[in-house]
Amino acid sequence: MAYLDHFNHRFYGPETGRKWVFLHGLMGYGQNWRRIISGLEETERCFSYDQRGHGRSFKPETAYSPADYADDLKILLDELDWQKIVLVGHSMGGRNVLNFAARFPERVSHLVVEDIGPEARPNGHEYYEYLLNLVPTPFASRSEARRYFFEDFVKTAKTRENIEVIANYFYSNMEDRTDGTVDWRFLKKAIIDSVRYGSDKDRWQEVADLKMPTLWIRGARSNELTREVFEKTLQANPLIKGVEIANAGHWVHSDQPEGFINELKLFVGGF
């Protein structure tokens, strides 16, 4: 069995094109990148997948640190015989691509990190643990899940982000099970562990170790990556170029897809 078979994945664009890999954020899945890939796939070979514990990929009970996610990518690239890639990661995926690029610099021609910083947040997982534990899964039906998120959840949950946005995002992560119930499409423990081990220590050394051109993107309205941390990151390695995209929050590539695609093209070149 190929390791790729553990992952729900898709390839786009001509096989002869320059190779890109996109890693989604926490509670996300590979299709989150569809809009961005559509702006590249005419000439570029793009690969996106649901990372372990997410979407329709395999969901082991343990191993959710950035290094574990990066090891998955290393095995996949070896299996595909992709020697050099443009690597893009959002949020949690940004920390995963940072770890990969610091450890395997020879495999990355260009690195793009979207709206995440390298600072430690030892108790960061508690926020997500709180939110996920609020949700009384499994639901008996999709209508029950919809009613909960858009009536009960929006009234009771205390969120850092817009409550309606979170309710929609959580509801989009519900899937129908074979027994008729509706439950998370991800492994809840994987989400909490990903934040726990992704932010248990700072990753400034990984930033300093980068040896390839790197684009660090921040949404101008982001509550996740502060301007202070963003500017400190840019100063940590001369190979890093920073871009702040207006009218965008944490999900820069969703809020401003055209601007995001343009920045990728300007950074990598050759279009």
Foldseek 3Di string as FASTA:
>chain_A
DALCVQWDKDKAADPPAAEAEEAEAFQDFFCVCVLLVVLPRPRHIYMTIGFEQHFPGHHDLDDQALVSRLVSVVSVCVVVVQQAYAYEYAHLGLLNVLVNCLVCVRRYQEYEYAQAFQAADQCVLVLLVVLVVVDPDWAQALVRLLCCLVPVQLVPDDDPDNSVVVSVSQSVQWDADPVRTIDGSGRSSSSSVNNNNHRNHGDLVSLLSRDHQYEYEAEPAEPRQDVVRVVVSCVSYVSYDYDYDYQDYSPRCVRPVVVVSVVVCVRVDDD
